[in-house]
Amino acid sequence: MGHPMNDEITTREALDILGLAHPSSITHLVAEHKLKDSRRMHGKCGAYLFSCANIERLRDERNSASGAA
Protein backbone atom coordinates (compact mmCIF):
# COMPACT_ATOMS: atom_id res chain seq x y z
CA MET A 1 0.00 0.00 0.00
CA GLY A 2 1.20 3.53 -0.59
CA HIS A 3 4.20 4.46 -2.65
CA PRO A 4 7.27 2.35 -1.97
CA MET A 5 9.74 5.24 -2.22
CA ASN A 6 8.25 7.51 0.44
CA ASP A 7 5.18 5.74 1.83
CA GLU A 8 2.90 8.66 0.95
CA ILE A 9 -0.74 8.06 0.16
CA THR A 10 -3.56 10.17 -1.24
CA THR A 11 -6.66 11.42 0.52
CA ARG A 12 -8.71 8.69 -1.20
CA GLU A 13 -6.38 5.99 0.12
CA ALA A 14 -6.51 7.58 3.59
CA LEU A 15 -10.31 7.55 3.47
CA ASP A 16 -10.29 3.84 2.62
CA ILE A 17 -7.92 2.99 5.49
CA LEU A 18 -9.91 5.07 7.99
CA GLY A 19 -13.26 3.77 6.75
CA LEU A 20 -14.51 7.28 5.95
CA ALA A 21 -16.62 8.24 2.95
CA HIS A 22 -16.14 11.95 2.35
CA PRO A 23 -12.89 13.82 1.59
CA SER A 24 -14.11 16.63 3.84
CA SER A 25 -13.65 14.22 6.77
CA ILE A 26 -9.90 14.26 6.11
CA THR A 27 -9.90 18.05 5.74
CA HIS A 28 -11.60 18.34 9.15
CA LEU A 29 -9.06 16.01 10.77
CA VAL A 30 -6.24 18.16 9.39
CA ALA A 31 -7.93 21.40 10.51
CA GLU A 32 -8.43 19.96 14.01
CA HIS A 33 -4.73 18.94 14.15
CA LYS A 34 -5.70 15.30 14.60
CA LEU A 35 -3.91 14.44 11.36
CA LYS A 36 -0.80 15.97 9.82
CA ASP A 37 -0.29 15.92 6.09
CA SER A 38 3.20 14.98 4.92
CA ARG A 39 2.98 17.56 2.13
CA ARG A 40 0.61 19.28 -0.19
CA MET A 41 0.77 19.18 -3.96
CA HIS A 42 1.30 22.40 -5.92
CA GLY A 43 -1.58 24.63 -6.91
CA LYS A 44 -4.33 26.62 -5.27
CA CYS A 45 -6.28 23.47 -4.41
CA GLY A 46 -3.32 21.11 -4.15
CA ALA A 47 -4.10 17.66 -2.84
CA TYR A 48 -2.83 16.53 0.53
CA LEU A 49 -0.49 13.57 0.80
CA PHE A 50 -0.18 11.60 4.02
CA SER A 51 2.22 9.15 5.60
CA CYS A 52 0.62 5.73 5.43
CA ALA A 53 2.03 4.94 8.90
CA ASN A 54 0.33 8.04 10.37
CA ILE A 55 -3.00 7.10 8.80
CA GLU A 56 -2.75 3.55 10.11
CA ARG A 57 -1.84 4.87 13.58
CA LEU A 58 -4.89 7.17 13.56
CA ARG A 59 -7.08 4.25 12.43
CA ASP A 60 -5.79 2.12 15.29
CA GLU A 61 -6.34 4.93 17.82
CA ARG A 62 -9.89 5.47 16.55
CA ASN A 63 -10.61 1.73 16.72
CA SER A 64 -9.24 1.52 20.27
CA ALA A 65 -11.30 4.53 21.38
CA SER A 66 -14.50 3.15 19.89
CA GLY A 67 -13.83 -0.28 21.44
CA ALA A 68 -13.31 1.25 24.88
CA ALA A 69 -16.59 3.15 24.81
PDB file of N, CA and C in Angstrom:
ATOM      1  N   MET A   1       0.854  -1.177   0.000  1.00  0.00           N
ATOM      2  CA  MET A   1       0.000   0.000   0.000  1.00  0.00           C
ATOM      3  C   MET A   1       0.890   1.227   0.000  1.00  0.00           C
ATOM      4  N   GLY A   2       0.415   2.308  -0.553  1.00  0.00           N
ATOM      5  CA  GLY A   2       1.202   3.527  -0.590  1.00  0.00           C
ATOM      6  C   GLY A   2       2.281   3.425  -1.641  1.00  0.00           C
ATOM      7  N   HIS A   3       3.119   4.422  -1.689  1.00  0.00           N
ATOM      8  CA  HIS A   3       4.198   4.458  -2.650  1.00  0.00           C
ATOM      9  C   HIS A   3       5.454   3.931  -1.987  1.00  0.00           C
ATOM     10  N   PRO A   4       6.126   2.981  -2.626  1.00  0.00           N
ATOM     11  CA  PRO A   4       7.266   2.352  -1.970  1.00  0.00           C
ATOM     12  C   PRO A   4       8.416   3.299  -1.653  1.00  0.00           C
ATOM     13  N   MET A   5       8.614   4.348  -2.437  1.00  0.00           N
ATOM     14  CA  MET A   5       9.742   5.241  -2.216  1.00  0.00           C
ATOM     15  C   MET A   5       9.590   6.083  -0.946  1.00  0.00           C
ATOM     16  N   ASN A   6       8.393   6.587  -0.689  1.00  0.00           N
ATOM     17  CA  ASN A   6       8.249   7.506   0.439  1.00  0.00           C
ATOM     18  C   ASN A   6       7.039   7.215   1.316  1.00  0.00           C
ATOM     19  N   ASP A   7       6.301   6.160   1.000  1.00  0.00           N
ATOM     20  CA  ASP A   7       5.182   5.740   1.831  1.00  0.00           C
ATOM     21  C   ASP A   7       4.084   6.796   1.940  1.00  0.00           C
ATOM     22  N   GLU A   8       3.959   7.665   0.939  1.00  0.00           N
ATOM     23  CA  GLU A   8       2.897   8.664   0.955  1.00  0.00           C
ATOM     24  C   GLU A   8       1.667   8.124   0.228  1.00  0.00           C
ATOM     25  N   ILE A   9       0.514   8.477   0.772  1.00  0.00           N
ATOM     26  CA  ILE A   9      -0.742   8.058   0.164  1.00  0.00           C
ATOM     27  C   ILE A   9      -1.633   9.272  -0.049  1.00  0.00           C
ATOM     28  N   THR A  10      -2.625   9.100  -0.907  1.00  0.00           N
ATOM     29  CA  THR A  10      -3.557  10.171  -1.238  1.00  0.00           C
ATOM     30  C   THR A  10      -4.700  10.229  -0.218  1.00  0.00           C
ATOM     31  N   THR A  11      -5.477  11.280  -0.334  1.00  0.00           N
ATOM     32  CA  THR A  11      -6.663  11.421   0.517  1.00  0.00           C
ATOM     33  C   THR A  11      -7.603  10.242   0.320  1.00  0.00           C
ATOM     34  N   ARG A  12      -7.812   9.818  -0.918  1.00  0.00           N
ATOM     35  CA  ARG A  12      -8.715   8.691  -1.204  1.00  0.00           C
ATOM     36  C   ARG A  12      -8.227   7.426  -0.504  1.00  0.00           C
ATOM     37  N   GLU A  13      -6.928   7.172  -0.555  1.00  0.00           N
ATOM     38  CA  GLU A  13      -6.377   5.994   0.120  1.00  0.00           C
ATOM     39  C   GLU A  13      -6.530   6.126   1.637  1.00  0.00           C
ATOM     40  N   ALA A  14      -6.327   7.338   2.154  1.00  0.00           N
ATOM     41  CA  ALA A  14      -6.505   7.576   3.593  1.00  0.00           C
ATOM     42  C   ALA A  14      -7.952   7.330   4.006  1.00  0.00           C
ATOM     43  N   LEU A  15      -8.888   7.779   3.185  1.00  0.00           N
ATOM     44  CA  LEU A  15     -10.310   7.549   3.467  1.00  0.00           C
ATOM     45  C   LEU A  15     -10.601   6.055   3.566  1.00  0.00           C
ATOM     46  N   ASP A  16     -10.058   5.286   2.628  1.00  0.00           N
ATOM     47  CA  ASP A  16     -10.289   3.841   2.622  1.00  0.00           C
ATOM     48  C   ASP A  16      -9.741   3.194   3.891  1.00  0.00           C
ATOM     49  N   ILE A  17      -8.535   3.570   4.288  1.00  0.00           N
ATOM     50  CA  ILE A  17      -7.916   2.988   5.489  1.00  0.00           C
ATOM     51  C   ILE A  17      -8.714   3.345   6.739  1.00  0.00           C
ATOM     52  N   LEU A  18      -9.175   4.599   6.804  1.00  0.00           N
ATOM     53  CA  LEU A  18      -9.905   5.068   7.988  1.00  0.00           C
ATOM     54  C   LEU A  18     -11.379   4.677   7.973  1.00  0.00           C
ATOM     55  N   GLY A  19     -11.857   4.164   6.854  1.00  0.00           N
ATOM     56  CA  GLY A  19     -13.262   3.775   6.754  1.00  0.00           C
ATOM     57  C   GLY A  19     -14.192   4.970   6.686  1.00  0.00           C
ATOM     58  N   LEU A  20     -13.709   6.058   6.086  1.00  0.00           N
ATOM     59  CA  LEU A  20     -14.507   7.275   5.951  1.00  0.00           C
ATOM     60  C   LEU A  20     -14.958   7.423   4.501  1.00  0.00           C
ATOM     61  N   ALA A  21     -16.060   8.137   4.294  1.00  0.00           N
ATOM     62  CA  ALA A  21     -16.625   8.241   2.948  1.00  0.00           C
ATOM     63  C   ALA A  21     -16.311   9.554   2.240  1.00  0.00           C
ATOM     64  N   HIS A  22     -16.212  10.638   2.977  1.00  0.00           N
ATOM     65  CA  HIS A  22     -16.137  11.953   2.345  1.00  0.00           C
ATOM     66  C   HIS A  22     -14.768  12.605   2.544  1.00  0.00           C
ATOM     67  N   PRO A  23     -14.182  13.134   1.470  1.00  0.00           N
ATOM     68  CA  PRO A  23     -12.895  13.823   1.587  1.00  0.00           C
ATOM     69  C   PRO A  23     -12.903  14.941   2.624  1.00  0.00           C
ATOM     70  N   SER A  24     -14.044  15.561   2.846  1.00  0.00           N
ATOM     71  CA  SER A  24     -14.110  16.630   3.841  1.00  0.00           C
ATOM     72  C   SER A  24     -13.793  16.102   5.245  1.00  0.00           C
ATOM     73  N   SER A  25     -13.996  14.811   5.470  1.00  0.00           N
ATOM     74  CA  SER A  25     -13.645  14.216   6.768  1.00  0.00           C
ATOM     75  C   SER A  25     -12.148  14.342   7.026  1.00  0.00           C
ATOM     76  N   ILE A  26     -11.346  14.130   5.994  1.00  0.00           N
ATOM     77  CA  ILE A  26      -9.896  14.263   6.111  1.00  0.00           C
ATOM     78  C   ILE A  26      -9.523  15.724   6.337  1.00  0.00           C
ATOM     79  N   THR A  27     -10.161  16.613   5.589  1.00  0.00           N
ATOM     80  CA  THR A  27      -9.902  18.048   5.740  1.00  0.00           C
ATOM     81  C   THR A  27     -10.182  18.490   7.166  1.00  0.00           C
ATOM     82  N   HIS A  28     -11.265  17.997   7.759  1.00  0.00           N
ATOM     83  CA  HIS A  28     -11.601  18.340   9.146  1.00  0.00           C
ATOM     84  C   HIS A  28     -10.557  17.798  10.117  1.00  0.00           C
ATOM     85  N   LEU A  29     -10.092  16.581   9.892  1.00  0.00           N
ATOM     86  CA  LEU A  29      -9.062  16.009  10.774  1.00  0.00           C
ATOM     87  C   LEU A  29      -7.776  16.825  10.716  1.00  0.00           C
ATOM     88  N   VAL A  30      -7.425  17.310   9.531  1.00  0.00           N
ATOM     89  CA  VAL A  30      -6.237  18.155   9.392  1.00  0.00           C
ATOM     90  C   VAL A  30      -6.459  19.484  10.107  1.00  0.00           C
ATOM     91  N   ALA A  31      -7.621  20.102   9.892  1.00  0.00           N
ATOM     92  CA  ALA A  31      -7.926  21.397  10.505  1.00  0.00           C
ATOM     93  C   ALA A  31      -7.940  21.307  12.029  1.00  0.00           C
ATOM     94  N   GLU A  32      -8.365  20.165  12.561  1.00  0.00           N
ATOM     95  CA  GLU A  32      -8.431  19.959  14.009  1.00  0.00           C
ATOM     96  C   GLU A  32      -7.098  19.465  14.582  1.00  0.00           C
ATOM     97  N   HIS A  33      -6.066  19.388  13.749  1.00  0.00           N
ATOM     98  CA  HIS A  33      -4.731  18.938  14.151  1.00  0.00           C
ATOM     99  C   HIS A  33      -4.732  17.510  14.689  1.00  0.00           C
ATOM    100  N   LYS A  34      -5.682  16.711  14.235  1.00  0.00           N
ATOM    101  CA  LYS A  34      -5.704  15.298  14.602  1.00  0.00           C
ATOM    102  C   LYS A  34      -4.939  14.472  13.576  1.00  0.00           C
ATOM    103  N   LEU A  35      -4.629  15.097  12.440  1.00  0.00           N
ATOM    104  CA  LEU A  35      -3.910  14.445  11.362  1.00  0.00           C
ATOM    105  C   LEU A  35      -3.007  15.465  10.706  1.00  0.00           C
ATOM    106  N   LYS A  36      -1.768  15.083  10.460  1.00  0.00           N
ATOM    107  CA  LYS A  36      -0.798  15.974   9.821  1.00  0.00           C
ATOM    108  C   LYS A  36      -0.506  15.443   8.427  1.00  0.00           C
ATOM    109  N   ASP A  37      -0.650  16.323   7.438  1.00  0.00           N
ATOM    110  CA  ASP A  37      -0.286  15.922   6.087  1.00  0.00           C
ATOM    111  C   ASP A  37       1.232  15.900   5.971  1.00  0.00           C
ATOM    112  N   SER A  38       1.754  15.029   5.115  1.00  0.00           N
ATOM    113  CA  SER A  38       3.200  14.984   4.922  1.00  0.00           C
ATOM    114  C   SER A  38       3.633  16.070   3.947  1.00  0.00           C
ATOM    115  N   ARG A  39       2.757  16.416   3.021  1.00  0.00           N
ATOM    116  CA  ARG A  39       2.984  17.557   2.134  1.00  0.00           C
ATOM    117  C   ARG A  39       1.729  17.810   1.324  1.00  0.00           C
ATOM    118  N   ARG A  40       1.750  18.915   0.630  1.00  0.00           N
ATOM    119  CA  ARG A  40       0.613  19.283  -0.195  1.00  0.00           C
ATOM    120  C   ARG A  40       1.120  19.521  -1.613  1.00  0.00           C
ATOM    121  N   MET A  41       0.387  19.025  -2.565  1.00  0.00           N
ATOM    122  CA  MET A  41       0.770  19.180  -3.962  1.00  0.00           C
ATOM    123  C   MET A  41       0.634  20.650  -4.367  1.00  0.00           C
ATOM    124  N   HIS A  42       1.310  21.022  -5.438  1.00  0.00           N
ATOM    125  CA  HIS A  42       1.299  22.396  -5.920  1.00  0.00           C
ATOM    126  C   HIS A  42      -0.092  22.804  -6.406  1.00  0.00           C
ATOM    127  N   GLY A  43      -0.333  24.096  -6.399  1.00  0.00           N
ATOM    128  CA  GLY A  43      -1.584  24.633  -6.914  1.00  0.00           C
ATOM    129  C   GLY A  43      -2.476  25.166  -5.815  1.00  0.00           C
ATOM    130  N   LYS A  44      -3.415  25.981  -6.220  1.00  0.00           N
ATOM    131  CA  LYS A  44      -4.326  26.619  -5.270  1.00  0.00           C
ATOM    132  C   LYS A  44      -5.101  25.590  -4.449  1.00  0.00           C
ATOM    133  N   CYS A  45      -5.518  24.529  -5.086  1.00  0.00           N
ATOM    134  CA  CYS A  45      -6.282  23.471  -4.414  1.00  0.00           C
ATOM    135  C   CYS A  45      -5.483  22.175  -4.414  1.00  0.00           C
ATOM    136  N   GLY A  46      -4.197  22.284  -4.116  1.00  0.00           N
ATOM    137  CA  GLY A  46      -3.324  21.111  -4.145  1.00  0.00           C
ATOM    138  C   GLY A  46      -3.777  20.026  -3.190  1.00  0.00           C
ATOM    139  N   ALA A  47      -3.682  18.803  -3.642  1.00  0.00           N
ATOM    140  CA  ALA A  47      -4.104  17.662  -2.842  1.00  0.00           C
ATOM    141  C   ALA A  47      -3.124  17.414  -1.703  1.00  0.00           C
ATOM    142  N   TYR A  48      -3.658  16.936  -0.591  1.00  0.00           N
ATOM    143  CA  TYR A  48      -2.829  16.531   0.534  1.00  0.00           C
ATOM    144  C   TYR A  48      -2.251  15.145   0.259  1.00  0.00           C
ATOM    145  N   LEU A  49      -1.060  14.902   0.753  1.00  0.00           N
ATOM    146  CA  LEU A  49      -0.487  13.570   0.797  1.00  0.00           C
ATOM    147  C   LEU A  49      -0.183  13.269   2.255  1.00  0.00           C
ATOM    148  N   PHE A  50      -0.329  12.004   2.629  1.00  0.00           N
ATOM    149  CA  PHE A  50      -0.179  11.599   4.019  1.00  0.00           C
ATOM    150  C   PHE A  50       0.770  10.427   4.143  1.00  0.00           C
ATOM    151  N   SER A  51       1.415  10.331   5.284  1.00  0.00           N
ATOM    152  CA  SER A  51       2.221   9.153   5.599  1.00  0.00           C
ATOM    153  C   SER A  51       1.266   8.004   5.891  1.00  0.00           C
ATOM    154  N   CYS A  52       1.471   6.900   5.212  1.00  0.00           N
ATOM    155  CA  CYS A  52       0.623   5.731   5.433  1.00  0.00           C
ATOM    156  C   CYS A  52       0.683   5.295   6.896  1.00  0.00           C
ATOM    157  N   ALA A  53       1.876   5.338   7.498  1.00  0.00           N
ATOM    158  CA  ALA A  53       2.035   4.939   8.898  1.00  0.00           C
ATOM    159  C   ALA A  53       1.188   5.824   9.821  1.00  0.00           C
ATOM    160  N   ASN A  54       1.136   7.134   9.548  1.00  0.00           N
ATOM    161  CA  ASN A  54       0.327   8.040  10.368  1.00  0.00           C
ATOM    162  C   ASN A  54      -1.159   7.741  10.235  1.00  0.00           C
ATOM    163  N   ILE A  55      -1.593   7.425   9.022  1.00  0.00           N
ATOM    164  CA  ILE A  55      -3.004   7.096   8.800  1.00  0.00           C
ATOM    165  C   ILE A  55      -3.351   5.800   9.526  1.00  0.00           C
ATOM    166  N   GLU A  56      -2.489   4.815   9.427  1.00  0.00           N
ATOM    167  CA  GLU A  56      -2.748   3.547  10.112  1.00  0.00           C
ATOM    168  C   GLU A  56      -2.752   3.726  11.628  1.00  0.00           C
ATOM    169  N   ARG A  57      -1.873   4.582  12.145  1.00  0.00           N
ATOM    170  CA  ARG A  57      -1.837   4.866  13.580  1.00  0.00           C
ATOM    171  C   ARG A  57      -3.153   5.527  14.018  1.00  0.00           C
ATOM    172  N   LEU A  58      -3.625   6.508  13.235  1.00  0.00           N
ATOM    173  CA  LEU A  58      -4.888   7.175  13.555  1.00  0.00           C
ATOM    174  C   LEU A  58      -6.041   6.170  13.513  1.00  0.00           C
ATOM    175  N   ARG A  59      -6.044   5.290  12.515  1.00  0.00           N
ATOM    176  CA  ARG A  59      -7.083   4.250  12.427  1.00  0.00           C
ATOM    177  C   ARG A  59      -7.087   3.397  13.682  1.00  0.00           C
ATOM    178  N   ASP A  60      -5.891   2.968  14.108  1.00  0.00           N
ATOM    179  CA  ASP A  60      -5.792   2.116  15.292  1.00  0.00           C
ATOM    180  C   ASP A  60      -6.257   2.847  16.549  1.00  0.00           C
ATOM    181  N   GLU A  61      -5.892   4.131  16.674  1.00  0.00           N
ATOM    182  CA  GLU A  61      -6.339   4.935  17.816  1.00  0.00           C
ATOM    183  C   GLU A  61      -7.858   5.069  17.824  1.00  0.00           C
ATOM    184  N   ARG A  62      -8.428   5.324  16.653  1.00  0.00           N
ATOM    185  CA  ARG A  62      -9.888   5.465  16.553  1.00  0.00           C
ATOM    186  C   ARG A  62     -10.587   4.159  16.886  1.00  0.00           C
ATOM    187  N   ASN A  63     -10.023   3.041  16.431  1.00  0.00           N
ATOM    188  CA  ASN A  63     -10.607   1.735  16.718  1.00  0.00           C
ATOM    189  C   ASN A  63     -10.522   1.419  18.209  1.00  0.00           C
ATOM    190  N   SER A  64      -9.398   1.757  18.844  1.00  0.00           N
ATOM    191  CA  SER A  64      -9.242   1.521  20.273  1.00  0.00           C
ATOM    192  C   SER A  64     -10.221   2.365  21.069  1.00  0.00           C
ATOM    193  N   ALA A  65     -10.371   3.629  20.670  1.00  0.00           N
ATOM    194  CA  ALA A  65     -11.295   4.528  21.380  1.00  0.00           C
ATOM    195  C   ALA A  65     -12.729   4.058  21.247  1.00  0.00           C
ATOM    196  N   SER A  66     -13.122   3.582  20.075  1.00  0.00           N
ATOM    197  CA  SER A  66     -14.502   3.146  19.892  1.00  0.00           C
ATOM    198  C   SER A  66     -14.742   1.805  20.590  1.00  0.00           C
ATOM    199  N   GLY A  67     -13.694   1.004  20.728  1.00  0.00           N
ATOM    200  CA  GLY A  67     -13.825  -0.278  21.435  1.00  0.00           C
ATOM    201  C   GLY A  67     -13.904  -0.094  22.941  1.00  0.00           C
ATOM    202  N   ALA A  68     -13.315   0.989  23.445  1.00  0.00           N
ATOM    203  CA  ALA A  68     -13.307   1.248  24.884  1.00  0.00           C
ATOM    204  C   ALA A  68     -14.595   1.888  25.355  1.00  0.00           C
ATOM    205  N   ALA A  69     -15.353   2.442  24.425  1.00  0.00           N
ATOM    206  CA  ALA A  69     -16.590   3.150  24.808  1.00  0.00           C
ATOM    207  C   ALA A  69     -17.711   2.196  25.116  1.00  0.00           C
TER     208      ALA A  69
END
